[in-house]
Amino acid sequence: MSNSSFSIVRGTTFIFFSQATGGVISFLISIAVARYLGPQRFGLYALLVSIQGVVGIFAGFGLSQAIAKYVAQSLPEKNDASKHYVEYGLLLFLLFSAISCLSYVLLSGLIGNDLYHEHSLVGLIPYSSMVVLSSAMYAVTFGIAQGCREIKMLSSMQIVVPVISLVLIISLISHFEIRGVLLSVFLSQMMVSIAVLLWLRRYVIGFTISPTASRDVRYLRDLWSFAVPAVLSSIVVIPVFWLGNTELTLTKGLTAMGYFSVAMVIYQALAVVPNALAIPLVPSFSELAQRDRSKVDGLMLKALHSVSVIFFPLFLGIALFSSDIIGLFYGDSYLPSADAAYLMVTASYFLTLVAVVGALIAGLGRMWVGFALNAIWGLVFVLFSLAAVPIYGVVGLGATFTVSYCLHVIVSYTVAERILGISLRSAYPRFAVTGAFFVVGLVMVSGTMASGLILRLMLFVLGAGFVLWVWRKDALPILRSVFANLVR
């Protein structure tokens, strides 16, 4: 295995296990909040989080990936360019986050009273705006550390934030309910972000608070040209999630939103996999494209082949036993979300496959290609949700995620071949086989065999064993490298 590939495996291993640890803690947070609030109030909280995501697009303005890309490119040159990219990035963050959070608070009456007819949202939105601010700051800080290749720092950030959040939530939720949860998230993200920025400034990259030391607008222009298509891509994705949640809430009520939120928590917990892949892959693709463009193709194929095989057992197992997981952790009152959870786990596997292509696009700076892909995905999502959610409710929204991401994989592979010039024909058989096992599992868990623990276990062993054996040449080198990093 090449040094580049080994470095990515090492980085992905650190990030994955840190995100997995943070994901487990976040999962515990969701259990505590869901059990304390109940399905209806938990649905209200989840709706608020969905709205935060839309506002957060403009607060963060795609700066995290932009800073990561340009810092990674310029840092090896040992000049002041990387420092100035950080300075201009922080300036843009302050500007956009202030405008976004202020607008969010001013529109609280329109959102709570006129759109959702839920007056309690009006009083919660000022606290929610604080979370938007801290999330944007955390993302920008993360982007700086990512560009500097501070993998251990990134890993620590992803563990410390949920740990602090959990401690604060346990202390505040009984007194302040949803407001206590929002305050806890705000405080944890702000404390970690400020501490990491101070550490990076002192030991890694000596940036200042103001970019006045450099009046070269090239840095601002680079960040802007990268961030605008990134923001447009996010505008396609995150508001689409919000539209789906809004449609479910308005047609089926907050209780249905509470049920779907449990499935969404599982989906977000599994998002550690594509995130762990993208974090080291984006700067690696970016640096490799500058040095030797011909090696990008090989790295892309290795990453995609390995990911589709190695992570399949994890996703299939969680999907098949999602009803048991929900009953054990959230209680029987949330079991109506089981079928949607299966669908969301399937969607998260497809998202993992797409994440490799997305990392390539970001690393090459082809953000308008990413925007086009997200636009196609968003259109499919909206059209399918309009047909499925009013009829099937929670399950309909879960099916919307699965179908849209399945098509997203196919379209992304096609675009990678025809526009980026990377042949991915060898990836299609893996996608087809793993997808077929998910379909069989869905038929099993949603039918009369749903309670058949032995049958589900047999399908898991069959599916995981088949995929790992047939494509063992893809899996074994990566697994050996992961094990080597764990014992070092």
Protein backbone atom coordinates (compact mmCIF):
# COMPACT_ATOMS: atom_id res chain seq x y z
CA MET A 1 0.00 0.00 0.00
CA SER A 2 1.36 3.48 -0.89
CA ASN A 3 2.36 6.01 1.75
CA SER A 4 -0.51 8.25 0.62
CA SER A 5 -3.04 5.49 1.00
CA PHE A 6 -1.59 4.47 4.36
CA SER A 7 -1.75 8.08 5.59
CA ILE A 8 -5.41 8.28 4.61
CA VAL A 9 -6.15 4.96 6.30
CA ARG A 10 -4.42 6.17 9.44
CA GLY A 11 -6.31 9.47 9.40
CA THR A 12 -9.60 7.77 8.68
CA THR A 13 -8.98 5.29 11.50
CA PHE A 14 -8.39 8.04 14.04
CA ILE A 15 -11.35 10.09 12.82
CA PHE A 16 -13.66 7.09 12.61
CA PHE A 17 -13.03 5.89 16.12
CA SER A 18 -13.22 9.39 17.56
CA GLN A 19 -16.46 10.05 15.71
CA ALA A 20 -17.76 6.65 16.73
CA THR A 21 -17.01 7.48 20.36
CA GLY A 22 -18.61 10.89 19.97
CA GLY A 23 -21.50 9.28 18.13
CA VAL A 24 -22.14 6.88 21.00
CA ILE A 25 -22.20 9.78 23.44
CA SER A 26 -24.52 11.75 21.13
CA PHE A 27 -26.72 8.65 20.92
CA LEU A 28 -26.90 8.59 24.71
CA ILE A 29 -27.83 12.28 24.63
CA SER A 30 -30.68 11.60 22.20
CA ILE A 31 -31.93 8.73 24.37
CA ALA A 32 -31.95 10.93 27.47
CA VAL A 33 -33.68 13.79 25.67
CA ALA A 34 -36.22 11.55 23.90
CA ARG A 35 -37.16 9.67 27.06
CA TYR A 36 -37.45 12.85 29.12
CA LEU A 37 -39.46 14.85 26.59
CA GLY A 38 -41.67 12.11 25.10
CA PRO A 39 -42.52 11.68 21.38
CA GLN A 40 -44.41 14.97 20.93
CA ARG A 41 -41.93 17.29 22.66
CA PHE A 42 -39.05 15.37 21.13
CA GLY A 43 -40.66 16.01 17.77
CA LEU A 44 -40.74 19.73 18.57
CA TYR A 45 -37.05 19.68 19.47
CA ALA A 46 -36.19 17.76 16.29
CA LEU A 47 -38.15 20.26 14.20
CA LEU A 48 -36.16 23.07 15.79
CA VAL A 49 -32.90 21.29 14.99
CA SER A 50 -34.06 20.96 11.38
CA ILE A 51 -34.68 24.70 11.17
CA GLN A 52 -31.26 25.35 12.72
CA GLY A 53 -29.72 23.39 9.89
CA VAL A 54 -31.20 25.72 7.29
CA VAL A 55 -30.06 28.88 9.08
CA GLY A 56 -26.66 27.30 9.72
CA ILE A 57 -25.98 27.09 5.98
CA PHE A 58 -25.73 30.86 5.78
CA ALA A 59 -24.00 31.25 9.14
CA GLY A 60 -21.17 28.91 8.16
CA PHE A 61 -21.29 29.82 4.44
CA GLY A 62 -19.33 26.77 3.34
CA LEU A 63 -16.17 28.18 4.90
CA SER A 64 -15.11 25.00 6.68
CA GLN A 65 -14.27 23.05 3.52
CA ALA A 66 -12.90 26.14 1.77
CA ILE A 67 -10.44 26.86 4.58
CA ALA A 68 -9.48 23.19 4.82
CA LYS A 69 -8.70 23.02 1.11
CA TYR A 70 -6.61 26.19 0.81
CA VAL A 71 -4.76 25.78 4.10
CA ALA A 72 -3.86 22.20 3.10
CA GLN A 73 -2.57 23.45 -0.26
CA SER A 74 -0.58 26.41 1.03
CA LEU A 75 0.77 25.15 4.38
CA PRO A 76 3.58 23.02 2.84
CA GLU A 77 4.89 26.12 1.01
CA LYS A 78 6.06 27.62 4.35
CA ASN A 79 4.76 31.13 3.58
CA ASP A 80 2.05 33.38 5.00
CA ALA A 81 -0.67 32.28 2.57
CA SER A 82 -2.20 29.70 4.90
CA LYS A 83 -2.33 32.26 7.70
CA HIS A 84 -4.16 34.77 5.52
CA TYR A 85 -6.68 32.18 4.38
CA VAL A 86 -7.52 31.56 8.03
CA GLU A 87 -7.79 35.28 8.77
CA TYR A 88 -10.14 36.01 5.90
CA GLY A 89 -12.15 32.90 6.71
CA LEU A 90 -12.70 34.06 10.28
CA LEU A 91 -13.71 37.50 9.07
CA LEU A 92 -16.31 36.05 6.71
CA PHE A 93 -17.58 33.75 9.47
CA LEU A 94 -18.17 36.70 11.82
CA LEU A 95 -20.03 38.60 9.13
CA PHE A 96 -22.32 35.84 7.91
CA SER A 97 -23.04 34.32 11.30
CA ALA A 98 -24.07 37.69 12.74
CA ILE A 99 -26.44 38.39 9.86
CA SER A 100 -27.91 34.88 9.91
CA CYS A 101 -28.52 34.67 13.65
CA LEU A 102 -30.09 38.13 13.81
CA SER A 103 -32.41 37.32 10.90
CA TYR A 104 -33.39 34.02 12.56
CA VAL A 105 -34.44 35.78 15.76
CA LEU A 106 -36.35 38.50 13.89
CA LEU A 107 -38.31 35.85 11.95
CA SER A 108 -39.20 33.82 15.07
CA GLY A 109 -42.82 34.99 15.10
CA LEU A 110 -43.32 34.15 11.44
CA ILE A 111 -41.79 30.71 11.87
CA GLY A 112 -43.54 29.73 15.10
CA ASN A 113 -46.96 31.32 14.77
CA ASP A 114 -47.62 31.53 11.04
CA LEU A 115 -45.82 28.52 9.58
CA TYR A 116 -46.10 25.84 12.27
CA HIS A 117 -48.83 27.35 14.47
CA GLU A 118 -46.70 26.39 17.47
CA HIS A 119 -46.24 29.40 19.76
CA SER A 120 -43.61 27.68 21.93
CA LEU A 121 -41.19 27.82 18.99
CA VAL A 122 -41.07 31.62 19.24
CA GLY A 123 -39.53 31.52 22.71
CA LEU A 124 -37.10 28.74 21.76
CA ILE A 125 -35.67 30.36 18.62
CA PRO A 126 -33.34 32.84 20.45
CA TYR A 127 -31.70 29.85 22.18
CA SER A 128 -31.64 28.02 18.86
CA SER A 129 -29.84 30.97 17.24
CA MET A 130 -27.10 30.59 19.85
CA VAL A 131 -26.61 27.00 18.70
CA VAL A 132 -26.44 28.18 15.08
CA LEU A 133 -23.63 30.59 16.04
CA SER A 134 -21.65 28.01 18.01
CA SER A 135 -22.11 25.36 15.30
CA ALA A 136 -20.77 27.71 12.62
CA MET A 137 -17.78 28.60 14.79
CA TYR A 138 -17.11 24.93 15.51
CA ALA A 139 -17.26 24.12 11.78
CA VAL A 140 -14.82 26.89 10.86
CA THR A 141 -12.44 25.84 13.64
CA PHE A 142 -12.70 22.25 12.46
CA GLY A 143 -11.87 23.34 8.91
CA ILE A 144 -8.71 25.12 10.07
CA ALA A 145 -7.54 22.07 12.01
CA GLN A 146 -8.43 19.84 9.06
CA GLY A 147 -6.37 21.94 6.68
CA CYS A 148 -3.43 21.76 9.09
CA ARG A 149 -3.77 17.95 9.16
CA GLU A 150 -4.12 18.00 12.95
CA ILE A 151 -5.89 14.64 12.98
CA LYS A 152 -5.47 14.04 16.70
CA MET A 153 -6.90 17.47 17.45
CA LEU A 154 -9.87 16.77 15.18
CA SER A 155 -10.41 13.48 16.93
CA SER A 156 -10.33 15.13 20.34
CA MET A 157 -12.83 17.79 19.26
CA GLN A 158 -15.34 15.18 18.21
CA ILE A 159 -15.21 13.47 21.58
CA VAL A 160 -14.93 16.43 23.95
CA VAL A 161 -17.92 18.37 22.59
CA PRO A 162 -20.52 15.60 23.12
CA VAL A 163 -19.00 14.73 26.52
CA ILE A 164 -19.43 18.30 27.75
CA SER A 165 -22.89 18.46 26.16
CA LEU A 166 -23.99 15.29 27.95
CA VAL A 167 -22.83 16.55 31.34
CA LEU A 168 -24.54 19.90 30.86
CA ILE A 169 -27.77 18.37 29.52
CA ILE A 170 -28.07 16.06 32.51
CA SER A 171 -27.68 19.11 34.73
CA LEU A 172 -30.02 21.47 32.87
CA ILE A 173 -32.77 19.49 31.16
CA SER A 174 -34.88 18.94 34.29
CA HIS A 175 -34.97 22.70 34.95
CA PHE A 176 -35.09 24.17 31.44
CA GLU A 177 -36.25 21.26 29.19
CA ILE A 178 -35.54 22.08 25.51
CA ARG A 179 -33.88 25.38 26.40
CA GLY A 180 -31.48 23.47 28.63
CA VAL A 181 -30.52 21.16 25.77
CA LEU A 182 -29.88 24.11 23.44
CA LEU A 183 -27.82 25.96 26.04
CA SER A 184 -25.74 22.84 26.66
CA VAL A 185 -24.90 22.41 22.99
CA PHE A 186 -24.04 26.11 22.64
CA LEU A 187 -21.69 26.14 25.63
CA SER A 188 -19.89 22.93 24.69
CA GLN A 189 -19.24 23.97 21.09
CA MET A 190 -18.11 27.47 22.02
CA MET A 191 -15.72 26.33 24.75
CA VAL A 192 -14.03 23.73 22.54
CA SER A 193 -13.85 26.04 19.50
CA ILE A 194 -12.21 28.87 21.44
CA ALA A 195 -9.71 26.51 23.09
CA VAL A 196 -8.72 24.90 19.76
CA LEU A 197 -8.38 28.25 17.97
CA LEU A 198 -6.06 29.53 20.70
CA TRP A 199 -3.98 26.33 20.51
CA LEU A 200 -3.71 26.45 16.71
CA ARG A 201 -2.78 30.12 16.81
CA ARG A 202 0.02 29.53 19.28
CA TYR A 203 1.50 26.25 18.07
CA VAL A 204 0.56 25.66 14.43
CA ILE A 205 -0.43 28.69 12.37
CA GLY A 206 0.08 32.18 13.79
CA PHE A 207 -2.96 33.95 12.39
CA THR A 208 -4.34 37.23 13.70
CA ILE A 209 -7.96 38.15 14.35
CA SER A 210 -7.99 40.69 11.52
CA PRO A 211 -6.64 40.13 7.98
CA THR A 212 -5.45 43.73 7.67
CA ALA A 213 -1.84 42.55 7.61
CA SER A 214 -2.50 41.34 4.07
CA ARG A 215 -4.55 43.43 1.67
CA ASP A 216 -4.27 40.84 -1.11
CA VAL A 217 -7.87 40.07 -2.07
CA ARG A 218 -6.70 36.87 -3.76
CA TYR A 219 -7.25 35.01 -0.50
CA LEU A 220 -10.75 36.36 -0.15
CA ARG A 221 -11.48 35.61 -3.80
CA ASP A 222 -10.30 32.00 -3.46
CA LEU A 223 -12.43 31.37 -0.38
CA TRP A 224 -15.42 33.04 -1.98
CA SER A 225 -15.17 31.12 -5.25
CA PHE A 226 -15.03 27.84 -3.34
CA ALA A 227 -17.66 28.72 -0.74
CA VAL A 228 -20.42 29.97 -3.04
CA PRO A 229 -21.01 26.67 -4.89
CA ALA A 230 -20.56 24.82 -1.59
CA VAL A 231 -23.29 26.95 -0.03
CA LEU A 232 -25.53 26.44 -3.05
CA SER A 233 -25.00 22.69 -2.71
CA SER A 234 -25.94 22.89 0.96
CA ILE A 235 -28.99 24.97 0.08
CA VAL A 236 -30.10 22.08 -2.08
CA VAL A 237 -29.50 19.45 0.63
CA ILE A 238 -30.31 20.79 4.09
CA PRO A 239 -33.50 22.74 3.27
CA VAL A 240 -34.72 19.62 1.49
CA PHE A 241 -34.41 17.76 4.80
CA TRP A 242 -36.28 20.60 6.44
CA LEU A 243 -39.02 20.46 3.81
CA GLY A 244 -39.46 16.73 4.41
CA ASN A 245 -39.66 17.25 8.17
CA THR A 246 -42.06 20.15 7.75
CA GLU A 247 -44.31 18.14 5.46
CA LEU A 248 -44.37 15.27 7.94
CA THR A 249 -45.14 17.62 10.84
CA LEU A 250 -47.92 19.49 9.05
CA THR A 251 -49.61 16.36 7.68
CA LYS A 252 -49.06 13.85 10.51
CA GLY A 253 -48.27 16.00 13.59
CA LEU A 254 -45.42 16.45 16.05
CA THR A 255 -45.74 12.89 17.39
CA ALA A 256 -44.95 11.49 13.94
CA MET A 257 -42.00 13.88 13.80
CA GLY A 258 -40.86 12.47 17.13
CA TYR A 259 -40.97 8.93 15.77
CA PHE A 260 -39.04 9.88 12.66
CA SER A 261 -36.51 11.77 14.75
CA VAL A 262 -35.41 8.50 16.38
CA ALA A 263 -34.74 7.03 12.92
CA MET A 264 -32.92 10.24 12.03
CA VAL A 265 -30.72 9.96 15.14
CA ILE A 266 -29.57 6.52 13.99
CA TYR A 267 -28.95 7.91 10.50
CA GLN A 268 -26.89 10.77 11.92
CA ALA A 269 -24.96 8.43 14.20
CA LEU A 270 -23.93 6.41 11.15
CA ALA A 271 -22.93 9.62 9.37
CA VAL A 272 -19.63 9.29 11.25
CA VAL A 273 -18.57 6.89 8.51
CA PRO A 274 -18.82 9.24 5.49
CA ASN A 275 -17.53 12.12 7.63
CA ALA A 276 -14.53 10.10 8.76
CA LEU A 277 -13.77 9.28 5.14
CA ALA A 278 -14.17 12.81 3.79
CA ILE A 279 -12.06 14.57 6.43
CA PRO A 280 -8.69 13.04 5.41
CA LEU A 281 -9.68 12.42 1.78
CA VAL A 282 -10.46 16.05 0.83
CA PRO A 283 -6.99 17.48 1.61
CA SER A 284 -5.33 14.32 0.25
CA PHE A 285 -7.16 14.58 -3.08
CA SER A 286 -6.38 18.30 -3.16
CA GLU A 287 -2.66 17.84 -2.52
CA LEU A 288 -2.38 14.86 -4.88
CA ALA A 289 -4.13 16.77 -7.68
CA GLN A 290 -1.48 19.48 -7.38
CA ARG A 291 1.45 17.04 -7.48
CA ASP A 292 0.37 14.15 -9.72
CA ARG A 293 -3.16 14.13 -11.16
CA SER A 294 -2.74 10.61 -12.54
CA LYS A 295 -2.59 9.12 -9.03
CA VAL A 296 -5.99 10.54 -8.07
CA ASP A 297 -7.80 7.87 -10.10
CA GLY A 298 -6.11 4.99 -8.31
CA LEU A 299 -6.73 6.49 -4.88
CA MET A 300 -10.38 7.07 -5.73
CA LEU A 301 -10.95 3.47 -6.82
CA LYS A 302 -9.14 2.04 -3.78
CA ALA A 303 -11.19 4.17 -1.43
CA LEU A 304 -14.52 3.40 -3.08
CA HIS A 305 -13.93 -0.35 -3.40
CA SER A 306 -12.76 -0.66 0.19
CA VAL A 307 -15.58 1.42 1.66
CA SER A 308 -18.37 -0.44 -0.11
CA VAL A 309 -17.13 -3.78 1.24
CA ILE A 310 -15.73 -3.02 4.71
CA PHE A 311 -18.65 -1.01 6.03
CA PHE A 312 -21.43 -3.15 4.57
CA PRO A 313 -21.65 -5.57 7.55
CA LEU A 314 -21.96 -2.67 9.99
CA PHE A 315 -24.86 -1.07 8.15
CA LEU A 316 -26.65 -4.32 7.35
CA GLY A 317 -26.45 -5.48 10.97
CA ILE A 318 -27.81 -2.23 12.40
CA ALA A 319 -30.60 -2.17 9.80
CA LEU A 320 -31.73 -5.75 10.48
CA PHE A 321 -31.80 -5.23 14.25
CA SER A 322 -32.99 -1.61 14.28
CA SER A 323 -36.30 -2.50 15.97
CA ASP A 324 -34.42 -4.23 18.80
CA ILE A 325 -32.11 -1.24 19.18
CA ILE A 326 -35.03 1.20 19.38
CA GLY A 327 -36.98 -0.93 21.85
CA LEU A 328 -33.95 -1.39 24.08
CA PHE A 329 -32.75 2.20 24.20
CA TYR A 330 -35.77 4.40 23.48
CA GLY A 331 -38.55 2.21 24.81
CA ASP A 332 -41.63 0.61 23.27
CA SER A 333 -43.31 4.00 22.81
CA TYR A 334 -40.91 4.69 19.92
CA LEU A 335 -41.28 1.30 18.12
CA PRO A 336 -43.44 2.82 15.33
CA SER A 337 -40.17 4.26 14.00
CA ALA A 338 -38.59 0.82 13.39
CA ASP A 339 -39.34 0.47 9.65
CA ALA A 340 -38.26 4.06 9.01
CA ALA A 341 -35.05 3.34 10.93
CA TYR A 342 -34.26 0.39 8.62
CA LEU A 343 -34.75 2.64 5.61
CA MET A 344 -32.60 5.40 7.10
CA VAL A 345 -29.74 2.99 7.83
CA THR A 346 -29.90 1.84 4.21
CA ALA A 347 -29.82 5.46 3.07
CA SER A 348 -26.78 6.11 5.25
CA TYR A 349 -24.91 3.26 3.53
CA PHE A 350 -25.65 4.80 0.13
CA LEU A 351 -24.55 8.19 1.51
CA THR A 352 -21.23 6.62 2.51
CA LEU A 353 -20.65 5.54 -1.08
CA VAL A 354 -21.49 9.02 -2.33
CA ALA A 355 -19.17 10.62 0.24
CA VAL A 356 -16.09 9.27 -1.52
CA VAL A 357 -17.16 10.94 -4.78
CA GLY A 358 -18.00 14.10 -2.84
CA ALA A 359 -14.53 14.16 -1.28
CA LEU A 360 -13.00 13.84 -4.75
CA ILE A 361 -15.10 16.74 -6.05
CA ALA A 362 -14.15 18.96 -3.09
CA GLY A 363 -10.48 18.00 -3.33
CA LEU A 364 -10.39 18.86 -7.04
CA GLY A 365 -12.27 22.11 -6.40
CA ARG A 366 -15.08 21.12 -8.80
CA MET A 367 -17.79 22.49 -6.53
CA TRP A 368 -20.19 23.34 -9.33
CA VAL A 369 -20.23 19.65 -10.24
CA GLY A 370 -21.13 18.92 -6.62
CA PHE A 371 -23.87 21.52 -6.77
CA ALA A 372 -25.36 19.91 -9.89
CA LEU A 373 -25.32 16.47 -8.26
CA ASN A 374 -27.02 17.79 -5.14
CA ALA A 375 -29.60 19.63 -7.24
CA ILE A 376 -30.57 16.38 -8.98
CA TRP A 377 -30.74 14.58 -5.63
CA GLY A 378 -32.85 17.37 -4.12
CA LEU A 379 -35.33 17.28 -6.97
CA VAL A 380 -35.79 13.52 -6.60
CA PHE A 381 -36.15 13.87 -2.82
CA VAL A 382 -38.83 16.57 -3.02
CA LEU A 383 -40.89 14.83 -5.70
CA PHE A 384 -40.81 11.47 -3.94
CA SER A 385 -41.60 12.98 -0.53
CA LEU A 386 -44.62 14.85 -1.90
CA ALA A 387 -46.02 11.54 -3.06
CA ALA A 388 -44.97 9.27 -0.18
CA VAL A 389 -45.13 11.31 3.05
CA PRO A 390 -48.83 12.29 3.00
CA ILE A 391 -49.79 8.63 2.44
CA TYR A 392 -47.22 6.64 4.41
CA GLY A 393 -46.08 9.22 6.97
CA VAL A 394 -42.94 8.25 8.88
CA VAL A 395 -42.17 5.27 6.63
CA GLY A 396 -42.77 7.41 3.56
CA LEU A 397 -40.12 9.92 4.63
CA GLY A 398 -37.67 7.09 5.37
CA ALA A 399 -38.33 5.63 1.91
CA THR A 400 -37.70 9.06 0.42
CA PHE A 401 -34.21 9.10 1.89
CA THR A 402 -33.44 5.59 0.66
CA VAL A 403 -34.70 6.02 -2.91
CA SER A 404 -33.13 9.45 -3.38
CA TYR A 405 -29.71 8.35 -2.11
CA CYS A 406 -29.81 5.15 -4.15
CA LEU A 407 -30.30 7.22 -7.29
CA HIS A 408 -27.67 9.66 -6.02
CA VAL A 409 -25.08 6.87 -6.03
CA ILE A 410 -25.89 5.96 -9.64
CA VAL A 411 -25.82 9.58 -10.84
CA SER A 412 -22.59 10.33 -8.94
CA TYR A 413 -20.82 7.31 -10.41
CA THR A 414 -21.94 8.34 -13.89
CA VAL A 415 -20.74 11.92 -13.43
CA ALA A 416 -17.40 10.75 -12.03
CA GLU A 417 -16.88 8.73 -15.22
CA ARG A 418 -18.11 11.20 -17.83
CA ILE A 419 -17.06 14.54 -16.34
CA LEU A 420 -14.18 13.78 -13.98
CA GLY A 421 -12.78 11.02 -16.20
CA ILE A 422 -12.59 8.26 -13.57
CA SER A 423 -13.91 4.85 -14.57
CA LEU A 424 -16.04 3.34 -11.80
CA ARG A 425 -17.45 0.34 -13.67
CA SER A 426 -15.83 -2.03 -11.20
CA ALA A 427 -17.80 -0.37 -8.37
CA TYR A 428 -21.24 -1.16 -9.80
CA PRO A 429 -21.26 -4.91 -8.93
CA ARG A 430 -20.53 -4.11 -5.28
CA PHE A 431 -23.31 -1.54 -5.21
CA ALA A 432 -25.78 -3.93 -6.85
CA VAL A 433 -25.03 -6.89 -4.55
CA THR A 434 -25.07 -4.92 -1.30
CA GLY A 435 -28.21 -3.09 -2.38
CA ALA A 436 -29.94 -6.39 -3.09
CA PHE A 437 -29.23 -7.64 0.44
CA PHE A 438 -30.77 -4.48 1.88
CA VAL A 439 -33.91 -5.05 -0.21
CA VAL A 440 -34.22 -8.64 1.00
CA GLY A 441 -33.76 -7.47 4.57
CA LEU A 442 -36.47 -4.84 4.20
CA VAL A 443 -38.95 -7.42 2.97
CA MET A 444 -38.04 -9.60 5.92
CA VAL A 445 -38.27 -7.03 8.72
CA SER A 446 -41.44 -5.35 7.45
CA GLY A 447 -43.34 -8.58 6.88
CA THR A 448 -44.43 -11.52 8.98
CA MET A 449 -40.81 -12.49 9.64
CA ALA A 450 -40.05 -9.21 11.47
CA SER A 451 -39.88 -10.98 14.82
CA GLY A 452 -37.72 -13.83 13.50
CA LEU A 453 -34.41 -13.16 15.24
CA ILE A 454 -32.80 -16.31 13.82
CA LEU A 455 -33.82 -15.47 10.26
CA ARG A 456 -32.44 -11.96 10.54
CA LEU A 457 -29.22 -13.31 12.00
CA MET A 458 -28.93 -15.81 9.15
CA LEU A 459 -29.39 -13.05 6.56
CA PHE A 460 -26.73 -10.94 8.26
CA VAL A 461 -24.20 -13.79 8.30
CA LEU A 462 -24.99 -14.68 4.70
CA GLY A 463 -24.79 -11.10 3.41
CA ALA A 464 -21.72 -10.02 5.35
CA GLY A 465 -19.90 -13.30 4.71
CA PHE A 466 -20.63 -13.27 0.98
CA VAL A 467 -19.50 -9.67 0.40
CA LEU A 468 -16.37 -9.93 2.52
CA TRP A 469 -15.32 -13.22 0.90
CA VAL A 470 -15.97 -12.27 -2.73
CA TRP A 471 -14.18 -8.91 -2.42
CA ARG A 472 -11.68 -9.85 0.27
CA LYS A 473 -8.81 -8.41 -1.80
CA ASP A 474 -10.34 -4.95 -1.28
CA ALA A 475 -10.97 -5.41 2.41
CA LEU A 476 -7.92 -7.22 3.80
CA PRO A 477 -5.21 -4.57 3.13
CA ILE A 478 -7.34 -1.84 4.71
CA LEU A 479 -8.25 -4.00 7.70
CA ARG A 480 -4.57 -4.81 8.29
CA SER A 481 -3.70 -1.11 8.13
CA VAL A 482 -6.50 -0.22 10.54
CA PHE A 483 -5.31 -2.88 12.98
CA ALA A 484 -1.71 -1.65 12.65
CA ASN A 485 -2.81 1.90 13.53
CA LEU A 486 -4.80 0.70 16.51
CA VAL A 487 -1.88 -1.16 18.07
CA ARG A 488 0.68 1.58 17.43
